[in-house]
């Protein structure tokens, strides 16, 4: 008979099952990946802040993505690194810390969708209504879009976790490298029907709204490009939209993989690895993709390196 510990405030994280011979290579990989995420995203934020040429809606909206990547990775990866060096019996976490970590991890994932949705709107206005772009994408609208992206994510995730913390707990083992909603409500021996319904609705609404907005936006952009004979406009549209689309596809593929693998307990090790890569891969690639594609960022970096050479 299984022993139950009701409403314990000390939980145990299962963590990653890494063979001993791969422990340190895996640790170093995650450590340097996290270091790169922080340095790259902070650098992008600093560049955008100090260079007035980058004070454009597209870059200001991208700041939201960098902030989200920094918060999400900082709340998850350092704790993971510490737990990797501990024996499984010592991977303990308080219930409240676990709830906060779950909230941040879901907020990070949800804001990735909402921010990319408003960035798609920005690209639509820039390409389909270039003459009215400045009049439409005002500072006031940028603030409203940013608040909406974070506000919607905050409310949706708040309800998601609120339905979970109401449940009584009879288990203490988190079957994941870090805390998330599914791992938390699996600690309960009560009915989680409402949680499953809301979780499914939450996912369907988020993915439908996200994918729907992308399809609608890019369909209209494609129509404009096909009917326009302006080669400069088409080239600009291809460059900026391909960047945005690549970032979106990386994020949607990573998120879908985790959601799918949650339904197959026999692939728990793959799910755990996917959960970590969901934090690391988009956070690492986002600044690279936007940095490589952006002429403004390239120009700014080139001037910095040139000035350093002159000083030498």
Protein backbone atom coordinates (compact mmCIF):
# COMPACT_ATOMS: atom_id res chain seq x y z
CA UNK A 1 0.00 0.00 0.00
CA UNK A 2 1.32 3.46 -0.94
CA UNK A 3 2.14 5.78 1.94
CA UNK A 4 0.64 9.27 1.64
CA UNK A 5 1.86 12.48 3.24
CA UNK A 6 -0.94 15.00 3.21
CA UNK A 7 -0.28 18.67 2.40
CA UNK A 8 3.45 18.49 3.04
CA UNK A 9 5.22 21.83 2.54
CA UNK A 10 8.47 20.09 1.56
CA UNK A 11 8.57 18.52 -1.89
CA UNK A 12 11.20 16.50 -3.72
CA UNK A 13 12.25 17.19 -7.31
CA UNK A 14 13.02 14.12 -9.39
CA UNK A 15 15.40 16.12 -11.57
CA UNK A 16 17.24 14.83 -14.62
CA UNK A 17 18.36 11.21 -14.76
CA UNK A 18 21.85 11.78 -16.17
CA UNK A 19 24.42 8.92 -16.13
CA UNK A 20 27.47 9.73 -13.99
CA UNK A 21 29.84 9.82 -16.95
CA UNK A 22 27.69 12.50 -18.61
CA UNK A 23 26.94 14.48 -15.47
CA UNK A 24 29.66 17.12 -15.78
CA UNK A 25 29.41 17.56 -19.57
CA UNK A 26 25.64 18.07 -19.15
CA UNK A 27 26.23 20.47 -16.25
CA UNK A 28 28.70 22.53 -18.28
CA UNK A 29 26.38 22.57 -21.29
CA UNK A 30 23.46 23.91 -19.25
CA UNK A 31 25.71 26.34 -17.34
CA UNK A 32 27.25 27.93 -20.44
CA UNK A 33 23.88 27.93 -22.20
CA UNK A 34 22.39 29.87 -19.27
CA UNK A 35 25.39 32.21 -19.21
CA UNK A 36 24.95 32.85 -22.93
CA UNK A 37 21.20 33.52 -22.53
CA UNK A 38 21.85 36.15 -19.84
CA UNK A 39 24.79 37.85 -21.61
CA UNK A 40 23.15 37.85 -25.06
CA UNK A 41 19.73 39.08 -23.92
CA UNK A 42 21.11 41.69 -21.52
CA UNK A 43 23.41 42.91 -24.31
CA UNK A 44 20.45 43.26 -26.68
CA UNK A 45 18.50 45.21 -24.05
CA UNK A 46 21.48 47.52 -23.39
CA UNK A 47 22.04 48.08 -27.14
CA UNK A 48 18.39 48.98 -27.68
CA UNK A 49 18.43 51.26 -24.65
CA UNK A 50 21.55 53.27 -25.54
CA UNK A 51 21.20 53.45 -29.34
CA UNK A 52 18.43 55.86 -30.37
CA UNK A 53 18.33 54.31 -33.86
CA UNK A 54 16.96 51.17 -32.23
CA UNK A 55 14.13 53.01 -30.48
CA UNK A 56 11.69 51.54 -32.99
CA UNK A 57 8.52 49.59 -32.18
CA UNK A 58 9.93 46.28 -33.47
CA UNK A 59 12.98 46.44 -31.16
CA UNK A 60 11.07 47.84 -28.20
CA UNK A 61 8.58 44.97 -28.51
CA UNK A 62 11.45 42.51 -28.82
CA UNK A 63 12.69 43.74 -25.43
CA UNK A 64 9.68 41.96 -23.93
CA UNK A 65 10.93 38.67 -25.36
CA UNK A 66 14.42 39.24 -23.93
CA UNK A 67 13.02 40.11 -20.50
CA UNK A 68 10.82 37.00 -20.59
CA UNK A 69 13.80 34.80 -21.54
CA UNK A 70 15.94 36.25 -18.73
CA UNK A 71 13.22 35.79 -16.08
CA UNK A 72 12.25 32.30 -17.23
CA UNK A 73 15.80 30.94 -17.47
CA UNK A 74 16.91 32.57 -14.18
CA UNK A 75 14.02 31.04 -12.25
CA UNK A 76 14.64 27.54 -13.64
CA UNK A 77 18.22 26.84 -14.80
CA UNK A 78 20.28 27.83 -11.68
CA UNK A 79 18.09 25.61 -9.49
CA UNK A 80 18.47 22.78 -12.03
CA UNK A 81 22.27 23.13 -11.98
CA UNK A 82 22.39 22.93 -8.18
CA UNK A 83 20.11 19.87 -8.15
CA UNK A 84 22.27 18.09 -10.73
CA UNK A 85 25.15 18.08 -8.23
CA UNK A 86 22.95 16.79 -5.42
CA UNK A 87 21.87 13.19 -4.76
CA UNK A 88 18.13 12.66 -5.53
CA UNK A 89 17.22 12.50 -1.83
CA UNK A 90 18.52 16.05 -1.28
CA UNK A 91 16.67 17.71 -4.16
CA UNK A 92 14.13 19.33 -1.87
CA UNK A 93 12.04 22.42 -2.53
CA UNK A 94 9.38 24.18 -0.45
CA UNK A 95 5.82 24.07 -1.72
CA UNK A 96 5.60 27.87 -2.02
CA UNK A 97 8.88 28.07 -3.95
CA UNK A 98 7.57 25.33 -6.23
CA UNK A 99 4.35 27.28 -6.91
CA UNK A 100 6.36 30.42 -7.73
CA UNK A 101 8.62 28.45 -10.06
CA UNK A 102 5.60 26.90 -11.79
CA UNK A 103 3.99 30.33 -12.16
CA UNK A 104 7.14 31.84 -13.67
CA UNK A 105 7.69 28.89 -16.03
CA UNK A 106 4.13 29.15 -17.41
CA UNK A 107 4.26 32.94 -17.52
CA UNK A 108 7.49 32.67 -19.51
CA UNK A 109 5.89 30.28 -22.01
CA UNK A 110 2.66 32.25 -22.35
CA UNK A 111 4.28 35.66 -22.81
CA UNK A 112 6.43 34.15 -25.59
CA UNK A 113 3.15 33.60 -27.49
CA UNK A 114 1.52 36.93 -26.66
CA UNK A 115 4.66 38.98 -27.37
CA UNK A 116 5.20 37.28 -30.74
CA UNK A 117 1.53 37.96 -31.56
CA UNK A 118 1.91 41.71 -31.02
CA UNK A 119 5.21 41.65 -32.92
CA UNK A 120 3.33 40.05 -35.83
CA UNK A 121 0.84 42.94 -35.69
CA UNK A 122 3.76 45.38 -35.81
CA UNK A 123 5.17 43.68 -38.93
CA UNK A 124 1.71 43.72 -40.54
CA UNK A 125 1.33 47.48 -40.02
CA UNK A 126 4.92 48.17 -41.17
CA UNK A 127 4.51 46.25 -44.44
CA UNK A 128 0.82 46.66 -45.28
CA UNK A 129 0.43 50.27 -44.09
CA UNK A 130 3.94 51.78 -44.28
CA UNK A 131 2.73 55.37 -44.73
CA UNK A 132 0.57 55.20 -41.60
CA UNK A 133 3.04 53.16 -39.54
CA UNK A 134 4.28 56.06 -37.40
CA UNK A 135 0.73 57.28 -36.81
CA UNK A 136 -0.52 53.82 -35.78
CA UNK A 137 2.45 52.47 -33.79
CA UNK A 138 2.65 55.31 -31.28
CA UNK A 139 4.32 55.09 -27.86
CA UNK A 140 0.87 54.96 -26.29
CA UNK A 141 -0.11 51.95 -28.38
CA UNK A 142 3.24 50.25 -27.66
CA UNK A 143 2.58 50.57 -23.92
CA UNK A 144 -0.96 49.19 -24.35
CA UNK A 145 0.30 46.24 -26.41
CA UNK A 146 3.05 45.46 -23.90
CA UNK A 147 0.70 45.65 -20.89
CA UNK A 148 -1.83 43.49 -22.74
CA UNK A 149 0.78 40.83 -23.61
CA UNK A 150 1.92 40.52 -19.99
CA UNK A 151 -1.52 41.12 -18.45
CA UNK A 152 -3.28 38.40 -20.44
CA UNK A 153 -0.50 35.93 -19.65
CA UNK A 154 -0.58 36.88 -15.94
CA UNK A 155 -4.36 36.35 -15.66
CA UNK A 156 -4.44 33.07 -17.62
CA UNK A 157 -1.54 31.57 -15.68
CA UNK A 158 -2.90 32.93 -12.38
CA UNK A 159 -6.19 31.04 -12.90
CA UNK A 160 -4.27 27.93 -13.99
CA UNK A 161 -2.20 27.84 -10.79
CA UNK A 162 -5.13 29.02 -8.65
CA UNK A 163 -7.09 25.90 -9.59
CA UNK A 164 -4.10 23.75 -8.64
CA UNK A 165 -3.22 25.24 -5.22
CA UNK A 166 -6.83 24.69 -4.04
CA UNK A 167 -6.22 20.91 -4.17
CA UNK A 168 -5.08 18.88 -1.18
CA UNK A 169 -1.79 17.09 -1.72
CA UNK A 170 -1.05 13.48 -0.82
CA UNK A 171 2.27 13.05 -2.63
CA UNK A 172 5.58 14.89 -2.44
CA UNK A 173 7.55 13.85 -5.54
CA UNK A 174 7.65 16.30 -8.47
CA UNK A 175 8.12 14.16 -11.58
CA UNK A 176 9.96 16.88 -13.47
CA UNK A 177 13.30 18.74 -13.49
CA UNK A 178 11.44 21.83 -12.26
CA UNK A 179 7.97 22.68 -11.01
CA UNK A 180 5.12 23.21 -13.44
CA UNK A 181 1.33 23.06 -13.20
CA UNK A 182 0.95 19.46 -14.39
CA UNK A 183 3.55 18.22 -11.91
CA UNK A 184 1.86 20.11 -9.08
CA UNK A 185 -1.69 18.86 -9.61
CA UNK A 186 -0.38 15.30 -10.02
CA UNK A 187 0.52 15.53 -6.30
CA UNK A 188 -3.18 15.49 -5.45
CA UNK A 189 -5.36 12.42 -4.84
CA UNK A 190 -8.52 14.46 -5.50
CA UNK A 191 -10.31 14.80 -8.82
CA UNK A 192 -8.34 17.03 -11.21
CA UNK A 193 -11.08 17.09 -13.85
CA UNK A 194 -11.50 20.89 -13.62
CA UNK A 195 -7.73 21.35 -13.89
CA UNK A 196 -7.57 19.18 -17.00
CA UNK A 197 -10.50 20.99 -18.61
CA UNK A 198 -9.10 24.46 -17.92
CA UNK A 199 -5.57 23.37 -18.87
CA UNK A 200 -6.82 22.00 -22.18
CA UNK A 201 -8.95 25.11 -22.79
CA UNK A 202 -6.01 27.35 -21.88
CA UNK A 203 -3.74 25.52 -24.33
CA UNK A 204 -6.31 25.46 -27.15
CA UNK A 205 -7.16 29.16 -26.76
CA UNK A 206 -3.50 30.20 -26.57
CA UNK A 207 -2.38 28.08 -29.52
CA UNK A 208 -5.47 28.89 -31.61
CA UNK A 209 -5.08 32.63 -31.01
CA UNK A 210 -1.33 32.47 -31.56
CA UNK A 211 -1.35 30.33 -34.73
CA UNK A 212 -4.49 32.05 -36.05
CA UNK A 213 -2.97 35.51 -35.71
CA UNK A 214 0.24 34.35 -37.42
CA UNK A 215 -1.62 32.75 -40.33
CA UNK A 216 -3.87 35.80 -40.79
CA UNK A 217 -0.98 38.26 -40.53
CA UNK A 218 1.36 36.42 -42.88
CA UNK A 219 -1.42 35.74 -45.38
CA UNK A 220 -2.10 39.47 -45.66
CA UNK A 221 1.62 40.26 -45.84
CA UNK A 222 2.08 37.65 -48.59
CA UNK A 223 -0.81 39.11 -50.59
CA UNK A 224 0.70 42.61 -50.32
CA UNK A 225 4.14 41.34 -51.39
CA UNK A 226 2.73 39.39 -54.35
CA UNK A 227 0.72 42.35 -55.62
CA UNK A 228 3.51 44.87 -55.04
CA UNK A 229 6.23 45.52 -57.60
CA UNK A 230 8.37 47.27 -55.02
CA UNK A 231 11.46 45.04 -54.73
CA UNK A 232 12.77 46.99 -51.73
CA UNK A 233 9.51 46.42 -49.84
CA UNK A 234 9.46 42.71 -50.69
CA UNK A 235 13.09 42.28 -49.63
CA UNK A 236 12.47 44.06 -46.32
CA UNK A 237 9.30 42.03 -45.72
CA UNK A 238 11.09 38.74 -46.42
CA UNK A 239 13.95 39.60 -44.07
CA UNK A 240 11.95 40.85 -41.08
CA UNK A 241 9.15 38.30 -41.42
CA UNK A 242 11.49 35.32 -41.83
CA UNK A 243 13.25 36.34 -38.59
CA UNK A 244 9.98 36.60 -36.71
CA UNK A 245 8.65 33.37 -38.20
CA UNK A 246 11.78 31.35 -37.33
CA UNK A 247 11.61 32.52 -33.69
CA UNK A 248 7.90 31.66 -33.56
CA UNK A 249 8.36 28.18 -35.07
CA UNK A 250 11.17 27.35 -32.61
CA UNK A 251 8.96 28.39 -29.71
CA UNK A 252 5.81 26.59 -30.95
CA UNK A 253 7.70 23.36 -31.69
CA UNK A 254 9.39 23.35 -28.26
CA UNK A 255 6.11 23.99 -26.42
CA UNK A 256 4.13 21.44 -28.44
CA UNK A 257 6.74 18.76 -27.76
CA UNK A 258 6.43 19.18 -23.97
CA UNK A 259 2.60 19.19 -24.06
CA UNK A 260 2.55 16.06 -26.23
CA UNK A 261 5.09 14.15 -24.11
CA UNK A 262 3.11 14.91 -20.91
CA UNK A 263 0.47 12.52 -22.31
CA UNK A 264 2.98 9.66 -22.59
CA UNK A 265 4.48 8.75 -19.17
CA UNK A 266 6.74 6.12 -20.77
CA UNK A 267 8.71 8.93 -22.41
CA UNK A 268 9.29 10.86 -19.17
CA UNK A 269 13.05 11.23 -19.76
CA UNK A 270 12.45 12.80 -23.18
CA UNK A 271 9.83 15.09 -21.65
CA UNK A 272 12.26 16.26 -18.98
CA UNK A 273 14.95 17.01 -21.54
CA UNK A 274 12.39 18.83 -23.73
CA UNK A 275 11.27 20.90 -20.74
CA UNK A 276 14.85 22.13 -20.22
CA UNK A 277 15.48 22.72 -23.92
CA UNK A 278 12.24 24.75 -24.08
CA UNK A 279 13.94 27.24 -21.76
CA UNK A 280 17.43 27.09 -23.26
CA UNK A 281 16.92 26.85 -27.04
CA UNK A 282 14.55 29.80 -27.68
CA UNK A 283 16.34 31.96 -25.11
CA UNK A 284 19.69 31.32 -26.84
CA UNK A 285 18.50 31.62 -30.44
CA UNK A 286 16.24 34.68 -30.14
CA UNK A 287 19.05 37.26 -29.66
CA UNK A 288 21.22 35.53 -32.28
CA UNK A 289 18.48 35.48 -34.93
CA UNK A 290 17.43 39.09 -34.36
CA UNK A 291 21.04 40.23 -34.00
CA UNK A 292 22.12 38.65 -37.28
CA UNK A 293 19.10 39.91 -39.22
CA UNK A 294 19.10 43.46 -37.86
CA UNK A 295 21.18 45.93 -39.86
CA UNK A 296 20.84 48.48 -37.06
CA UNK A 297 22.32 46.12 -34.45
CA UNK A 298 25.07 45.01 -36.84
CA UNK A 299 25.92 48.64 -37.59
CA UNK A 300 26.04 49.55 -33.91
CA UNK A 301 28.32 46.60 -33.06
CA UNK A 302 30.56 47.38 -36.06
CA UNK A 303 31.00 50.99 -34.88
CA UNK A 304 31.90 49.80 -31.37
CA UNK A 305 34.55 47.39 -32.67
CA UNK A 306 35.89 50.04 -35.06
CA UNK A 307 36.19 52.61 -32.27
CA UNK A 308 38.08 50.09 -30.12
CA UNK A 309 40.52 49.43 -32.96
CA UNK A 310 41.07 53.15 -33.38
CA UNK A 311 41.86 53.49 -29.67
CA UNK A 312 44.51 50.80 -30.02
